All heavy atoms as atom14 arrays in JSON, in Angstrom:
{
  "sequence": "AEYEQTITIDLDTLEPTVSYPHLPENTHPAREGRGIKIDQIVIGSC",
  "atom14_mask": [
    [1, 1, 1, 1, 1, 0, 0, 0, 0, 0, 0, 0, 0, 0],
    [1, 1, 1, 1, 1, 1, 1, 1, 1, 0, 0, 0, 0, 0],
    [1, 1, 1, 1, 1, 1, 1, 1, 1, 1, 1, 1, 0, 0],
    [1, 1, 1, 1, 1, 1, 1, 1, 1, 0, 0, 0, 0, 0],
    [1, 1, 1, 1, 1, 1, 1, 1, 1, 0, 0, 0, 0, 0],
    [1, 1, 1, 1, 1, 1, 1, 0, 0, 0, 0, 0, 0, 0],
    [1, 1, 1, 1, 1, 1, 1, 1, 0, 0, 0, 0, 0, 0],
    [1, 1, 1, 1, 1, 1, 1, 0, 0, 0, 0, 0, 0, 0],
    [1, 1, 1, 1, 1, 1, 1, 1, 0, 0, 0, 0, 0, 0],
    [1, 1, 1, 1, 1, 1, 1, 1, 0, 0, 0, 0, 0, 0],
    [1, 1, 1, 1, 1, 1, 1, 1, 0, 0, 0, 0, 0, 0],
    [1, 1, 1, 1, 1, 1, 1, 1, 0, 0, 0, 0, 0, 0],
    [1, 1, 1, 1, 1, 1, 1, 0, 0, 0, 0, 0, 0, 0],
    [1, 1, 1, 1, 1, 1, 1, 1, 0, 0, 0, 0, 0, 0],
    [1, 1, 1, 1, 1, 1, 1, 1, 1, 0, 0, 0, 0, 0],
    [1, 1, 1, 1, 1, 1, 1, 0, 0, 0, 0, 0, 0, 0],
    [1, 1, 1, 1, 1, 1, 1, 0, 0, 0, 0, 0, 0, 0],
    [1, 1, 1, 1, 1, 1, 1, 0, 0, 0, 0, 0, 0, 0],
    [1, 1, 1, 1, 1, 1, 0, 0, 0, 0, 0, 0, 0, 0],
    [1, 1, 1, 1, 1, 1, 1, 1, 1, 1, 1, 1, 0, 0],
    [1, 1, 1, 1, 1, 1, 1, 0, 0, 0, 0, 0, 0, 0],
    [1, 1, 1, 1, 1, 1, 1, 1, 1, 1, 0, 0, 0, 0],
    [1, 1, 1, 1, 1, 1, 1, 1, 0, 0, 0, 0, 0, 0],
    [1, 1, 1, 1, 1, 1, 1, 0, 0, 0, 0, 0, 0, 0],
    [1, 1, 1, 1, 1, 1, 1, 1, 1, 0, 0, 0, 0, 0],
    [1, 1, 1, 1, 1, 1, 1, 1, 0, 0, 0, 0, 0, 0],
    [1, 1, 1, 1, 1, 1, 1, 0, 0, 0, 0, 0, 0, 0],
    [1, 1, 1, 1, 1, 1, 1, 1, 1, 1, 0, 0, 0, 0],
    [1, 1, 1, 1, 1, 1, 1, 0, 0, 0, 0, 0, 0, 0],
    [1, 1, 1, 1, 1, 0, 0, 0, 0, 0, 0, 0, 0, 0],
    [1, 1, 1, 1, 1, 1, 1, 1, 1, 1, 1, 0, 0, 0],
    [1, 1, 1, 1, 1, 1, 1, 1, 1, 0, 0, 0, 0, 0],
    [1, 1, 1, 1, 0, 0, 0, 0, 0, 0, 0, 0, 0, 0],
    [1, 1, 1, 1, 1, 1, 1, 1, 1, 1, 1, 0, 0, 0],
    [1, 1, 1, 1, 0, 0, 0, 0, 0, 0, 0, 0, 0, 0],
    [1, 1, 1, 1, 1, 1, 1, 1, 0, 0, 0, 0, 0, 0],
    [1, 1, 1, 1, 1, 1, 1, 1, 1, 0, 0, 0, 0, 0],
    [1, 1, 1, 1, 1, 1, 1, 1, 0, 0, 0, 0, 0, 0],
    [1, 1, 1, 1, 1, 1, 1, 1, 0, 0, 0, 0, 0, 0],
    [1, 1, 1, 1, 1, 1, 1, 1, 1, 0, 0, 0, 0, 0],
    [1, 1, 1, 1, 1, 1, 1, 1, 0, 0, 0, 0, 0, 0],
    [1, 1, 1, 1, 1, 1, 1, 0, 0, 0, 0, 0, 0, 0],
    [1, 1, 1, 1, 1, 1, 1, 1, 0, 0, 0, 0, 0, 0],
    [1, 1, 1, 1, 0, 0, 0, 0, 0, 0, 0, 0, 0, 0],
    [1, 1, 1, 1, 1, 1, 0, 0, 0, 0, 0, 0, 0, 0],
    [1, 1, 1, 1, 1, 1, 0, 0, 0, 0, 0, 0, 0, 0]
  ],
  "atom14_positions": [
    [[-17.34, -230.74, 93.91], [-18.43, -229.74, 94.11], [-19.17, -230.02, 95.39], [-19.5, -231.09, 95.75], [-19.25, -229.7, 92.9], [0.0, 0.0, 0.0], [0.0, 0.0, 0.0], [0.0, 0.0, 0.0], [0.0, 0.0, 0.0], [0.0, 0.0, 0.0], [0.0, 0.0, 0.0], [0.0, 0.0, 0.0], [0.0, 0.0, 0.0], [0.0, 0.0, 0.0]],
    [[-19.63, -228.88, 96.01], [-20.32, -229.03, 97.33], [-21.86, -229.05, 97.15], [-22.42, -228.18, 96.36], [-19.97, -227.91, 98.28], [-20.57, -228.02, 99.69], [-20.15, -227.0, 100.65], [-19.88, -225.82, 100.08], [-20.11, -227.16, 101.77], [0.0, 0.0, 0.0], [0.0, 0.0, 0.0], [0.0, 0.0, 0.0], [0.0, 0.0, 0.0], [0.0, 0.0, 0.0]],
    [[-22.5, -229.99, 97.66], [-23.95, -230.08, 97.67], [-24.55, -230.11, 99.07], [-24.03, -230.89, 99.91], [-24.35, -231.28, 96.86], [-23.86, -231.31, 95.43], [-22.74, -232.01, 95.14], [-24.54, -230.6, 94.5], [-22.3, -231.99, 93.78], [-24.03, -230.74, 93.12], [-22.94, -231.31, 92.8], [-22.45, -231.4, 91.57], [0.0, 0.0, 0.0], [0.0, 0.0, 0.0]],
    [[-25.56, -229.37, 99.33], [-26.14, -229.44, 100.64], [-26.75, -230.71, 100.97], [-26.77, -231.16, 102.15], [-27.21, -228.32, 100.76], [-26.61, -226.94, 100.88], [-27.6, -225.89, 101.49], [-28.83, -226.2, 101.53], [-27.17, -224.81, 101.74], [0.0, 0.0, 0.0], [0.0, 0.0, 0.0], [0.0, 0.0, 0.0], [0.0, 0.0, 0.0], [0.0, 0.0, 0.0]],
    [[-27.3, -231.48, 100.05], [-27.77, -232.84, 100.11], [-27.75, -233.6, 98.82], [-27.74, -232.89, 97.74], [-29.19, -232.8, 100.82], [-30.14, -232.21, 99.95], [-31.63, -232.29, 100.63], [-32.21, -231.21, 100.87], [-32.19, -233.37, 100.97], [0.0, 0.0, 0.0], [0.0, 0.0, 0.0], [0.0, 0.0, 0.0], [0.0, 0.0, 0.0], [0.0, 0.0, 0.0]],
    [[-27.84, -234.84, 98.93], [-28.06, -235.73, 97.74], [-29.36, -236.5, 97.82], [-29.62, -237.01, 98.9], [-26.83, -236.67, 97.61], [-25.68, -235.87, 97.39], [-27.07, -237.6, 96.35], [0.0, 0.0, 0.0], [0.0, 0.0, 0.0], [0.0, 0.0, 0.0], [0.0, 0.0, 0.0], [0.0, 0.0, 0.0], [0.0, 0.0, 0.0], [0.0, 0.0, 0.0]],
    [[-30.14, -236.46, 96.8], [-31.44, -237.16, 96.76], [-31.32, -238.25, 95.57], [-30.93, -237.89, 94.48], [-32.62, -236.27, 96.47], [-32.77, -235.27, 97.53], [-33.93, -237.02, 96.3], [-33.6, -234.1, 97.28], [0.0, 0.0, 0.0], [0.0, 0.0, 0.0], [0.0, 0.0, 0.0], [0.0, 0.0, 0.0], [0.0, 0.0, 0.0], [0.0, 0.0, 0.0]],
    [[-31.56, -239.43, 95.95], [-31.55, -240.48, 94.91], [-32.89, -240.92, 94.46], [-33.73, -241.22, 95.36], [-30.75, -241.72, 95.48], [-29.41, -241.31, 95.9], [-30.55, -242.88, 94.42], [0.0, 0.0, 0.0], [0.0, 0.0, 0.0], [0.0, 0.0, 0.0], [0.0, 0.0, 0.0], [0.0, 0.0, 0.0], [0.0, 0.0, 0.0], [0.0, 0.0, 0.0]],
    [[-33.06, -241.05, 93.2], [-34.39, -241.46, 92.66], [-34.17, -242.77, 91.83], [-33.3, -242.68, 90.82], [-35.08, -240.41, 91.82], [-35.46, -239.31, 92.59], [-36.32, -240.98, 91.16], [-36.08, -237.99, 91.91], [0.0, 0.0, 0.0], [0.0, 0.0, 0.0], [0.0, 0.0, 0.0], [0.0, 0.0, 0.0], [0.0, 0.0, 0.0], [0.0, 0.0, 0.0]],
    [[-34.78, -243.73, 92.07], [-34.64, -245.06, 91.27], [-35.68, -245.03, 90.21], [-36.87, -245.34, 90.5], [-34.82, -246.24, 92.26], [-34.52, -247.58, 91.59], [-34.29, -247.59, 90.33], [-34.48, -248.59, 92.23], [0.0, 0.0, 0.0], [0.0, 0.0, 0.0], [0.0, 0.0, 0.0], [0.0, 0.0, 0.0], [0.0, 0.0, 0.0], [0.0, 0.0, 0.0]],
    [[-35.29, -244.8, 88.91], [-36.19, -244.7, 87.92], [-36.8, -245.98, 87.58], [-37.97, -245.99, 87.12], [-35.48, -244.16, 86.57], [-34.79, -242.89, 86.73], [-34.09, -242.47, 85.4], [-35.77, -241.74, 87.01], [0.0, 0.0, 0.0], [0.0, 0.0, 0.0], [0.0, 0.0, 0.0], [0.0, 0.0, 0.0], [0.0, 0.0, 0.0], [0.0, 0.0, 0.0]],
    [[-36.28, -247.14, 87.9], [-36.78, -248.5, 87.7], [-38.03, -248.69, 88.49], [-38.97, -249.4, 88.04], [-35.78, -249.59, 88.08], [-34.65, -249.55, 87.03], [-34.86, -249.39, 85.83], [-33.58, -249.97, 87.53], [0.0, 0.0, 0.0], [0.0, 0.0, 0.0], [0.0, 0.0, 0.0], [0.0, 0.0, 0.0], [0.0, 0.0, 0.0], [0.0, 0.0, 0.0]],
    [[-38.13, -248.01, 89.66], [-39.39, -248.24, 90.55], [-40.53, -247.2, 90.37], [-41.47, -247.33, 90.99], [-38.91, -248.34, 91.99], [-38.34, -247.1, 92.46], [-37.89, -249.4, 92.23], [0.0, 0.0, 0.0], [0.0, 0.0, 0.0], [0.0, 0.0, 0.0], [0.0, 0.0, 0.0], [0.0, 0.0, 0.0], [0.0, 0.0, 0.0], [0.0, 0.0, 0.0]],
    [[-40.22, -246.11, 89.59], [-41.19, -245.08, 89.46], [-42.44, -245.58, 88.73], [-42.31, -246.36, 87.85], [-40.6, -243.9, 88.66], [-39.75, -242.84, 89.43], [-39.52, -241.64, 88.6], [-40.36, -242.47, 90.73], [0.0, 0.0, 0.0], [0.0, 0.0, 0.0], [0.0, 0.0, 0.0], [0.0, 0.0, 0.0], [0.0, 0.0, 0.0], [0.0, 0.0, 0.0]],
    [[-43.5, -244.96, 89.1], [-44.78, -245.33, 88.39], [-45.5, -244.13, 88.17], [-45.11, -242.94, 88.68], [-45.68, -246.33, 89.29], [-45.99, -245.93, 90.66], [-46.79, -246.89, 91.34], [-47.8, -247.29, 90.82], [-46.31, -247.38, 92.47], [0.0, 0.0, 0.0], [0.0, 0.0, 0.0], [0.0, 0.0, 0.0], [0.0, 0.0, 0.0], [0.0, 0.0, 0.0]],
    [[-46.57, -244.13, 87.25], [-47.28, -242.84, 86.9], [-47.87, -242.17, 88.17], [-48.4, -242.84, 89.13], [-48.41, -243.34, 86.09], [-47.85, -244.62, 85.29], [-46.95, -245.26, 86.33], [0.0, 0.0, 0.0], [0.0, 0.0, 0.0], [0.0, 0.0, 0.0], [0.0, 0.0, 0.0], [0.0, 0.0, 0.0], [0.0, 0.0, 0.0], [0.0, 0.0, 0.0]],
    [[-47.62, -240.89, 88.22], [-47.78, -240.11, 89.5], [-48.73, -238.97, 89.19], [-48.67, -238.39, 88.17], [-46.47, -239.63, 90.07], [-45.61, -240.64, 90.29], [-46.74, -238.79, 91.28], [0.0, 0.0, 0.0], [0.0, 0.0, 0.0], [0.0, 0.0, 0.0], [0.0, 0.0, 0.0], [0.0, 0.0, 0.0], [0.0, 0.0, 0.0], [0.0, 0.0, 0.0]],
    [[-49.59, -238.75, 90.18], [-50.5, -237.45, 90.09], [-50.43, -236.63, 91.3], [-50.28, -237.17, 92.42], [-51.9, -238.0, 89.91], [-52.94, -236.89, 89.94], [-52.17, -239.01, 88.69], [0.0, 0.0, 0.0], [0.0, 0.0, 0.0], [0.0, 0.0, 0.0], [0.0, 0.0, 0.0], [0.0, 0.0, 0.0], [0.0, 0.0, 0.0], [0.0, 0.0, 0.0]],
    [[-50.33, -235.32, 91.11], [-50.32, -234.37, 92.18], [-51.76, -233.95, 92.35], [-52.38, -233.27, 91.55], [-49.5, -233.19, 91.76], [-49.58, -232.18, 92.79], [0.0, 0.0, 0.0], [0.0, 0.0, 0.0], [0.0, 0.0, 0.0], [0.0, 0.0, 0.0], [0.0, 0.0, 0.0], [0.0, 0.0, 0.0], [0.0, 0.0, 0.0], [0.0, 0.0, 0.0]],
    [[-52.28, -234.19, 93.6], [-53.58, -233.84, 93.99], [-53.67, -232.25, 94.4], [-52.72, -231.78, 94.83], [-54.25, -234.76, 95.09], [-54.5, -236.12, 94.84], [-54.03, -236.66, 93.63], [-55.33, -236.91, 95.68], [-54.36, -238.06, 93.26], [-55.63, -238.13, 95.31], [-55.14, -238.66, 94.16], [-55.42, -240.04, 93.93], [0.0, 0.0, 0.0], [0.0, 0.0, 0.0]],
    [[-54.79, -231.66, 94.42], [-55.03, -230.29, 94.99], [-54.59, -230.2, 96.36], [-54.69, -231.2, 97.12], [-56.52, -230.04, 94.8], [-57.01, -231.01, 93.87], [-56.13, -232.31, 94.07], [0.0, 0.0, 0.0], [0.0, 0.0, 0.0], [0.0, 0.0, 0.0], [0.0, 0.0, 0.0], [0.0, 0.0, 0.0], [0.0, 0.0, 0.0], [0.0, 0.0, 0.0]],
    [[-54.05, -229.07, 96.83], [-53.86, -227.88, 95.99], [-52.39, -227.47, 95.98], [-52.07, -226.24, 95.87], [-54.64, -226.68, 96.6], [-56.16, -226.92, 96.43], [-56.72, -226.68, 95.21], [-57.05, -227.23, 97.32], [-58.05, -226.9, 95.3], [-58.3, -227.2, 96.54], [0.0, 0.0, 0.0], [0.0, 0.0, 0.0], [0.0, 0.0, 0.0], [0.0, 0.0, 0.0]],
    [[-51.43, -228.36, 96.02], [-50.05, -228.2, 95.93], [-49.32, -229.21, 95.07], [-49.8, -230.53, 95.27], [-49.36, -228.07, 97.32], [-49.67, -226.8, 98.09], [-49.05, -226.99, 99.5], [-49.09, -225.6, 97.47], [0.0, 0.0, 0.0], [0.0, 0.0, 0.0], [0.0, 0.0, 0.0], [0.0, 0.0, 0.0], [0.0, 0.0, 0.0], [0.0, 0.0, 0.0]],
    [[-48.35, -228.94, 94.41], [-47.59, -230.03, 93.53], [-47.1, -231.14, 94.38], [-46.79, -232.2, 93.93], [-46.53, -229.06, 92.84], [-47.18, -227.81, 92.75], [-47.9, -227.64, 93.9], [0.0, 0.0, 0.0], [0.0, 0.0, 0.0], [0.0, 0.0, 0.0], [0.0, 0.0, 0.0], [0.0, 0.0, 0.0], [0.0, 0.0, 0.0], [0.0, 0.0, 0.0]],
    [[-46.82, -230.75, 95.7], [-46.18, -231.86, 96.59], [-47.16, -232.86, 97.01], [-46.68, -233.89, 97.61], [-45.59, -231.15, 97.8], [-46.64, -230.58, 98.8], [-46.12, -229.8, 99.94], [-44.94, -229.23, 99.88], [-46.75, -229.69, 100.98], [0.0, 0.0, 0.0], [0.0, 0.0, 0.0], [0.0, 0.0, 0.0], [0.0, 0.0, 0.0], [0.0, 0.0, 0.0]],
    [[-48.41, -232.69, 96.78], [-49.52, -233.6, 97.32], [-49.57, -234.79, 96.26], [-50.63, -234.86, 95.53], [-50.69, -232.91, 97.44], [-51.83, -233.83, 97.99], [-51.6, -234.82, 98.6], [-53.08, -233.36, 98.07], [0.0, 0.0, 0.0], [0.0, 0.0, 0.0], [0.0, 0.0, 0.0], [0.0, 0.0, 0.0], [0.0, 0.0, 0.0], [0.0, 0.0, 0.0]],
    [[-48.59, -235.62, 96.14], [-48.47, -236.59, 95.15], [-48.91, -237.96, 95.59], [-48.92, -238.35, 96.74], [-47.11, -236.77, 94.65], [-46.2, -237.02, 95.64], [-46.63, -235.48, 93.93], [0.0, 0.0, 0.0], [0.0, 0.0, 0.0], [0.0, 0.0, 0.0], [0.0, 0.0, 0.0], [0.0, 0.0, 0.0], [0.0, 0.0, 0.0], [0.0, 0.0, 0.0]],
    [[-49.5, -238.75, 94.55], [-50.08, -240.08, 94.77], [-49.92, -240.84, 93.5], [-49.86, -240.39, 92.38], [-51.55, -240.08, 95.04], [-51.95, -239.23, 96.24], [-52.19, -239.75, 97.45], [-52.1, -237.89, 96.41], [-52.48, -238.77, 98.44], [-52.44, -237.59, 97.78], [0.0, 0.0, 0.0], [0.0, 0.0, 0.0], [0.0, 0.0, 0.0], [0.0, 0.0, 0.0]],
    [[-49.65, -242.13, 93.66], [-49.75, -243.03, 92.41], [-51.07, -242.82, 91.62], [-52.19, -242.79, 92.2], [-49.59, -244.51, 92.97], [-49.02, -244.23, 94.24], [-49.56, -243.04, 94.89], [0.0, 0.0, 0.0], [0.0, 0.0, 0.0], [0.0, 0.0, 0.0], [0.0, 0.0, 0.0], [0.0, 0.0, 0.0], [0.0, 0.0, 0.0], [0.0, 0.0, 0.0]],
    [[-50.92, -242.88, 90.32], [-52.12, -242.71, 89.43], [-53.13, -243.9, 89.69], [-54.34, -243.72, 89.62], [-51.77, -242.61, 87.94], [0.0, 0.0, 0.0], [0.0, 0.0, 0.0], [0.0, 0.0, 0.0], [0.0, 0.0, 0.0], [0.0, 0.0, 0.0], [0.0, 0.0, 0.0], [0.0, 0.0, 0.0], [0.0, 0.0, 0.0], [0.0, 0.0, 0.0]],
    [[-52.68, -245.05, 90.07], [-53.57, -246.09, 90.29], [-54.52, -245.95, 91.38], [-55.49, -246.7, 91.54], [-52.67, -247.41, 90.36], [-51.64, -247.41, 91.49], [-50.85, -248.69, 91.62], [-49.73, -248.46, 92.55], [-49.65, -248.38, 93.83], [-50.81, -248.55, 94.43], [-48.49, -248.17, 94.5], [0.0, 0.0, 0.0], [0.0, 0.0, 0.0], [0.0, 0.0, 0.0]],
    [[-54.24, -245.05, 92.33], [-55.01, -244.77, 93.48], [-56.19, -243.87, 93.25], [-57.0, -243.65, 94.02], [-54.23, -244.22, 94.58], [-53.25, -245.22, 95.13], [-52.39, -244.61, 96.35], [-52.61, -243.42, 96.7], [-51.49, -245.23, 96.92], [0.0, 0.0, 0.0], [0.0, 0.0, 0.0], [0.0, 0.0, 0.0], [0.0, 0.0, 0.0], [0.0, 0.0, 0.0]],
    [[-56.32, -243.41, 91.88], [-57.33, -242.35, 91.68], [-58.64, -242.78, 91.09], [-59.39, -241.9, 90.56], [0.0, 0.0, 0.0], [0.0, 0.0, 0.0], [0.0, 0.0, 0.0], [0.0, 0.0, 0.0], [0.0, 0.0, 0.0], [0.0, 0.0, 0.0], [0.0, 0.0, 0.0], [0.0, 0.0, 0.0], [0.0, 0.0, 0.0], [0.0, 0.0, 0.0]],
    [[-58.91, -244.13, 91.21], [-60.11, -244.63, 90.53], [-61.33, -244.05, 91.03], [-62.29, -243.89, 90.3], [-60.17, -246.29, 90.72], [-59.05, -246.88, 90.12], [-59.3, -248.45, 90.18], [-58.1, -249.2, 89.75], [-57.11, -249.56, 90.35], [-56.99, -249.21, 91.59], [-56.02, -250.21, 89.74], [0.0, 0.0, 0.0], [0.0, 0.0, 0.0], [0.0, 0.0, 0.0]],
    [[-61.4, -243.54, 92.29], [-62.66, -243.03, 92.82], [-62.74, -241.52, 92.48], [-63.77, -240.94, 92.99], [0.0, 0.0, 0.0], [0.0, 0.0, 0.0], [0.0, 0.0, 0.0], [0.0, 0.0, 0.0], [0.0, 0.0, 0.0], [0.0, 0.0, 0.0], [0.0, 0.0, 0.0], [0.0, 0.0, 0.0], [0.0, 0.0, 0.0], [0.0, 0.0, 0.0]],
    [[-61.89, -240.91, 91.76], [-61.89, -239.48, 91.63], [-62.44, -239.19, 90.14], [-61.67, -239.32, 89.14], [-60.55, -238.85, 91.77], [-60.08, -239.07, 93.23], [-60.6, -237.31, 91.53], [-58.61, -238.66, 93.5], [0.0, 0.0, 0.0], [0.0, 0.0, 0.0], [0.0, 0.0, 0.0], [0.0, 0.0, 0.0], [0.0, 0.0, 0.0], [0.0, 0.0, 0.0]],
    [[-63.7, -238.76, 90.01], [-64.32, -238.53, 88.81], [-63.78, -237.08, 88.16], [-63.65, -236.24, 89.05], [-65.87, -238.58, 89.0], [-66.65, -238.25, 87.66], [-68.1, -238.33, 87.9], [-68.9, -238.11, 86.66], [-68.58, -236.77, 86.04], [0.0, 0.0, 0.0], [0.0, 0.0, 0.0], [0.0, 0.0, 0.0], [0.0, 0.0, 0.0], [0.0, 0.0, 0.0]],
    [[-63.67, -237.03, 87.05], [-63.19, -235.77, 86.41], [-64.1, -235.26, 85.35], [-64.94, -235.97, 84.8], [-61.75, -235.96, 85.81], [-61.83, -236.88, 84.59], [-60.79, -236.45, 86.8], [-60.6, -236.91, 83.74], [0.0, 0.0, 0.0], [0.0, 0.0, 0.0], [0.0, 0.0, 0.0], [0.0, 0.0, 0.0], [0.0, 0.0, 0.0], [0.0, 0.0, 0.0]],
    [[-63.99, -234.0, 85.08], [-64.76, -233.28, 84.09], [-64.09, -232.78, 82.88], [-64.6, -232.55, 81.81], [-65.42, -231.98, 84.72], [-66.27, -232.34, 86.04], [-67.35, -232.79, 85.93], [-65.71, -232.15, 87.16], [0.0, 0.0, 0.0], [0.0, 0.0, 0.0], [0.0, 0.0, 0.0], [0.0, 0.0, 0.0], [0.0, 0.0, 0.0], [0.0, 0.0, 0.0]],
    [[-62.75, -232.65, 82.97], [-61.93, -232.07, 81.88], [-60.46, -232.64, 81.98], [-59.93, -232.9, 83.03], [-61.89, -230.64, 82.09], [-61.13, -229.89, 81.06], [-61.34, -228.29, 81.19], [-62.46, -227.79, 80.9], [-60.26, -227.51, 81.64], [0.0, 0.0, 0.0], [0.0, 0.0, 0.0], [0.0, 0.0, 0.0], [0.0, 0.0, 0.0], [0.0, 0.0, 0.0]],
    [[-59.83, -232.62, 80.87], [-58.42, -232.86, 80.85], [-57.81, -231.69, 79.91], [-58.43, -231.22, 79.01], [-57.98, -234.18, 80.22], [-58.34, -234.25, 78.79], [-58.47, -235.4, 81.03], [-57.49, -235.25, 77.97], [0.0, 0.0, 0.0], [0.0, 0.0, 0.0], [0.0, 0.0, 0.0], [0.0, 0.0, 0.0], [0.0, 0.0, 0.0], [0.0, 0.0, 0.0]],
    [[-56.53, -231.27, 80.26], [-55.85, -230.37, 79.43], [-54.49, -231.0, 79.17], [-53.7, -231.35, 80.08], [-55.64, -229.11, 80.11], [-54.7, -228.13, 79.29], [-56.99, -228.3, 80.18], [0.0, 0.0, 0.0], [0.0, 0.0, 0.0], [0.0, 0.0, 0.0], [0.0, 0.0, 0.0], [0.0, 0.0, 0.0], [0.0, 0.0, 0.0], [0.0, 0.0, 0.0]],
    [[-54.09, -231.14, 77.82], [-52.82, -231.67, 77.59], [-52.02, -230.61, 76.74], [-52.52, -230.19, 75.66], [-52.92, -233.05, 76.71], [-53.45, -234.08, 77.62], [-51.52, -233.41, 76.2], [-53.73, -235.36, 76.75], [0.0, 0.0, 0.0], [0.0, 0.0, 0.0], [0.0, 0.0, 0.0], [0.0, 0.0, 0.0], [0.0, 0.0, 0.0], [0.0, 0.0, 0.0]],
    [[-51.07, -230.01, 77.35], [-50.28, -228.94, 76.66], [-49.45, -228.2, 77.7], [-48.92, -228.79, 78.69], [0.0, 0.0, 0.0], [0.0, 0.0, 0.0], [0.0, 0.0, 0.0], [0.0, 0.0, 0.0], [0.0, 0.0, 0.0], [0.0, 0.0, 0.0], [0.0, 0.0, 0.0], [0.0, 0.0, 0.0], [0.0, 0.0, 0.0], [0.0, 0.0, 0.0]],
    [[-49.22, -226.89, 77.45], [-48.49, -226.05, 78.34], [-46.96, -226.03, 77.99], [-46.49, -226.92, 77.3], [-48.73, -226.29, 79.8], [-47.82, -227.27, 80.31], [0.0, 0.0, 0.0], [0.0, 0.0, 0.0], [0.0, 0.0, 0.0], [0.0, 0.0, 0.0], [0.0, 0.0, 0.0], [0.0, 0.0, 0.0], [0.0, 0.0, 0.0], [0.0, 0.0, 0.0]],
    [[-46.17, -225.17, 78.75], [-44.78, -225.05, 78.61], [-44.15, -226.42, 79.21], [-43.02, -226.67, 79.05], [-44.14, -223.86, 79.24], [-44.62, -223.66, 81.02], [0.0, 0.0, 0.0], [0.0, 0.0, 0.0], [0.0, 0.0, 0.0], [0.0, 0.0, 0.0], [0.0, 0.0, 0.0], [0.0, 0.0, 0.0], [0.0, 0.0, 0.0], [0.0, 0.0, 0.0]]
  ]
}
């Protein structure tokens, strides 16, 4: 089968990740978010 590209993800090295505003691509490790105070959490959705 033909693929335009192959992307490899090593699951062993992944860590909890957070996407910052205002695009899903703006990702950072969760451990870097200590200085970001929050007002609400939502757990749910599709």
